């Protein structure tokens, strides 16, 4: 039996429930994805299809687009501390766009490792120097939990001055278990 990650009355709980009620799911454009989405995802969940125009997108390029963008989605990150610091840096630069926190949905460790390698997280020597123990723990069976991840973001991201608008869930096409996790979190809060 899963337990609530934080007490209902704790700071940030209401914000977390709001984020869970209206997440954004990112899916990969595979042949079977339409059926999975139609079968398992309610209409209120926004679906984003991944399309990578290239690997040369930089923070400066995102900064340059801040005037034409309507919101920011953080890249996939498994470390809530990094996300909290990043949100703070964005706000200190006076970028006021709402932020959707990018996070992994429910996926097994092997799939997380494959995807992390493909998108370049594992390849960065600088990243591994600073995060090797944490990264290895995350990829062990039972190491990553979306519940623990979102709980560790609180209360920081619930603060109104952070302007976090919601969650952007990278599903890795694990639609059914990710939606089941979200529904369980909402049901426990009811």
Protein backbone atom coordinates (compact mmCIF):
# COMPACT_ATOMS: atom_id res chain seq x y z
CA UNK A 1 0.00 0.00 0.00
CA UNK A 2 1.38 3.37 -1.00
CA UNK A 3 1.34 6.12 1.58
CA UNK A 4 0.90 9.82 0.95
CA UNK A 5 4.33 11.38 0.38
CA UNK A 6 3.52 14.29 2.66
CA UNK A 7 0.77 15.09 5.12
CA UNK A 8 -2.29 16.73 3.63
CA UNK A 9 -1.85 19.75 5.84
CA UNK A 10 1.83 20.20 5.01
CA UNK A 11 3.04 23.19 3.04
CA UNK A 12 2.73 22.56 -0.65
CA UNK A 13 0.27 19.64 -0.55
CA UNK A 14 -2.51 21.66 -2.23
CA UNK A 15 -0.11 22.80 -4.94
CA UNK A 16 1.06 19.22 -5.56
CA UNK A 17 -2.55 18.07 -5.95
CA UNK A 18 -3.14 20.86 -8.45
CA UNK A 19 -0.08 19.79 -10.42
CA UNK A 20 -1.27 16.17 -10.41
CA UNK A 21 -4.78 17.11 -11.56
CA UNK A 22 -3.49 18.71 -14.76
CA UNK A 23 -0.13 17.22 -15.75
CA UNK A 24 1.45 17.25 -19.17
CA UNK A 25 2.54 13.85 -20.48
CA UNK A 26 5.35 13.65 -23.00
CA UNK A 27 5.21 10.61 -25.26
CA UNK A 28 7.42 9.26 -28.00
CA UNK A 29 5.95 9.09 -31.53
CA UNK A 30 5.57 5.31 -31.88
CA UNK A 31 2.96 3.37 -33.83
CA UNK A 32 1.09 2.18 -30.73
CA UNK A 33 1.09 5.42 -28.76
CA UNK A 34 -2.32 6.63 -29.92
CA UNK A 35 -4.02 3.49 -28.60
CA UNK A 36 -2.20 3.74 -25.27
CA UNK A 37 -3.17 7.38 -24.82
CA UNK A 38 -6.83 6.78 -25.80
CA UNK A 39 -7.05 3.78 -23.45
CA UNK A 40 -5.30 5.13 -20.38
CA UNK A 41 -5.17 8.93 -20.33
CA UNK A 42 -8.13 11.14 -19.38
CA UNK A 43 -8.98 14.08 -21.65
CA UNK A 44 -7.82 16.68 -19.11
CA UNK A 45 -4.19 15.52 -19.41
CA UNK A 46 -2.21 17.49 -22.00
CA UNK A 47 -0.18 15.25 -24.31
CA UNK A 48 3.06 16.43 -25.91
CA UNK A 49 4.68 14.41 -28.68
CA UNK A 50 8.47 14.50 -28.52
CA UNK A 51 10.20 15.89 -31.57
CA UNK A 52 13.88 16.75 -31.31
CA UNK A 53 15.05 19.33 -33.85
CA UNK A 54 18.66 18.88 -32.83
CA UNK A 55 21.00 18.76 -29.88
CA UNK A 56 22.38 22.31 -30.12
CA UNK A 57 19.63 24.01 -28.08
CA UNK A 58 21.35 25.94 -25.32
CA UNK A 59 20.24 27.85 -22.28
CA UNK A 60 21.08 31.07 -24.13
CA UNK A 61 18.76 30.07 -26.96
CA UNK A 62 15.96 29.46 -24.46
CA UNK A 63 16.73 32.83 -22.86
CA UNK A 64 16.51 34.49 -26.27
CA UNK A 65 13.06 32.94 -26.86
CA UNK A 66 11.58 34.03 -23.52
CA UNK A 67 9.65 36.89 -25.16
CA UNK A 68 7.83 34.61 -27.61
CA UNK A 69 7.35 31.56 -25.39
CA UNK A 70 4.29 31.02 -23.22
CA UNK A 71 5.88 28.69 -20.68
CA UNK A 72 9.10 26.83 -19.83
CA UNK A 73 9.50 23.07 -19.43
CA UNK A 74 12.57 21.90 -17.56
CA UNK A 75 14.60 19.13 -19.13
CA UNK A 76 14.32 15.68 -17.64
CA UNK A 77 16.05 15.64 -14.29
CA UNK A 78 16.07 13.01 -11.55
CA UNK A 79 17.39 15.24 -8.77
CA UNK A 80 14.82 17.47 -7.03
CA UNK A 81 17.59 19.62 -5.52
CA UNK A 82 18.82 20.51 -9.00
CA UNK A 83 15.29 21.42 -10.10
CA UNK A 84 14.73 23.67 -7.05
CA UNK A 85 18.03 25.49 -7.61
CA UNK A 86 17.34 25.86 -11.33
CA UNK A 87 13.88 27.37 -10.72
CA UNK A 88 15.52 29.85 -8.34
CA UNK A 89 18.12 30.82 -10.96
CA UNK A 90 15.45 31.32 -13.62
CA UNK A 91 13.52 33.63 -11.29
CA UNK A 92 16.64 35.58 -10.29
CA UNK A 93 17.20 36.30 -14.00
CA UNK A 94 13.74 37.89 -13.98
CA UNK A 95 12.26 35.35 -16.39
CA UNK A 96 8.59 35.34 -15.37
CA UNK A 97 7.20 32.62 -17.64
CA UNK A 98 5.38 29.81 -15.83
CA UNK A 99 7.49 26.67 -15.37
CA UNK A 100 6.39 23.07 -15.84
CA UNK A 101 8.79 20.78 -13.99
CA UNK A 102 10.06 17.96 -16.22
CA UNK A 103 10.06 14.61 -14.44
CA UNK A 104 10.11 10.94 -15.30
CA UNK A 105 6.88 9.03 -14.94
CA UNK A 106 6.77 5.41 -13.82
CA UNK A 107 9.48 3.48 -15.67
CA UNK A 108 11.84 0.65 -14.81
CA UNK A 109 15.51 1.31 -14.20
CA UNK A 110 16.67 -0.26 -17.46
CA UNK A 111 14.42 2.03 -19.50
CA UNK A 112 15.54 5.08 -17.49
CA UNK A 113 19.18 4.19 -18.20
CA UNK A 114 18.52 3.72 -21.94
CA UNK A 115 16.68 7.01 -22.24
CA UNK A 116 19.19 8.87 -20.06
CA UNK A 117 22.01 7.62 -22.26
CA UNK A 118 20.13 8.56 -25.42
CA UNK A 119 19.43 12.13 -24.28
CA UNK A 120 22.95 12.66 -23.03
CA UNK A 121 22.55 12.71 -19.25
CA UNK A 122 24.93 9.80 -18.73
CA UNK A 123 27.46 11.03 -21.28
CA UNK A 124 28.35 14.19 -19.44
CA UNK A 125 31.57 13.61 -17.50
CA UNK A 126 30.89 16.71 -15.46
CA UNK A 127 27.44 15.41 -14.54
CA UNK A 128 28.77 12.01 -13.50
CA UNK A 129 31.57 13.52 -11.39
CA UNK A 130 29.05 15.45 -9.34
CA UNK A 131 26.23 12.92 -9.30
CA UNK A 132 27.63 9.41 -9.75
CA UNK A 133 26.41 7.95 -6.42
CA UNK A 134 23.02 9.59 -6.71
CA UNK A 135 22.65 8.55 -10.38
CA UNK A 136 23.57 4.93 -9.68
CA UNK A 137 21.11 4.77 -6.77
CA UNK A 138 18.40 6.22 -9.00
CA UNK A 139 18.87 3.53 -11.63
CA UNK A 140 18.81 0.60 -9.23
CA UNK A 141 15.54 -1.33 -8.91
CA UNK A 142 13.24 0.76 -6.75
CA UNK A 143 15.68 3.67 -6.97
CA UNK A 144 13.50 6.20 -8.76
CA UNK A 145 10.00 6.96 -7.59
CA UNK A 146 7.89 9.77 -9.06
CA UNK A 147 6.20 10.00 -5.64
CA UNK A 148 9.51 10.60 -3.84
CA UNK A 149 10.59 13.01 -6.57
CA UNK A 150 7.53 15.27 -6.34
CA UNK A 151 7.52 15.09 -2.52
CA UNK A 152 11.14 16.27 -2.43
CA UNK A 153 10.22 19.33 -4.51
CA UNK A 154 7.95 20.59 -1.74
CA UNK A 155 7.51 23.11 -0.29
CA UNK A 156 9.87 25.06 -2.58
CA UNK A 157 8.03 24.73 -5.87
CA UNK A 158 4.67 25.48 -4.24
CA UNK A 159 5.80 28.98 -3.32
CA UNK A 160 3.85 31.51 -5.44
CA UNK A 161 7.02 33.46 -6.26
CA UNK A 162 8.43 30.36 -8.01
CA UNK A 163 5.56 30.44 -10.53
CA UNK A 164 5.60 26.68 -11.07
CA UNK A 165 2.54 25.93 -13.17
CA UNK A 166 2.66 22.15 -13.13
CA UNK A 167 4.36 18.91 -14.01
CA UNK A 168 5.59 17.83 -17.43
CA UNK A 169 5.81 14.05 -17.19
CA UNK A 170 8.18 12.21 -19.52
CA UNK A 171 6.26 8.93 -19.81
CA UNK A 172 8.71 6.95 -21.99
CA UNK A 173 5.42 5.57 -23.34
CA UNK A 174 4.75 3.86 -20.00
CA UNK A 175 1.30 5.46 -20.13
CA UNK A 176 -0.74 3.02 -18.06
CA UNK A 177 1.57 2.77 -15.01
CA UNK A 178 2.20 6.53 -15.02
CA UNK A 179 -1.51 7.33 -15.15
CA UNK A 180 -2.21 4.70 -12.46
CA UNK A 181 0.40 6.38 -10.20
CA UNK A 182 -1.19 9.81 -10.76
CA UNK A 183 -4.69 8.50 -10.05
CA UNK A 184 -3.48 6.77 -6.86
CA UNK A 185 -1.89 10.00 -5.64
CA UNK A 186 -5.13 11.90 -6.27
CA UNK A 187 -7.29 9.19 -4.67
CA UNK A 188 -5.21 9.19 -1.48
CA UNK A 189 -5.68 12.92 -1.21
CA UNK A 190 -9.46 12.76 -1.52
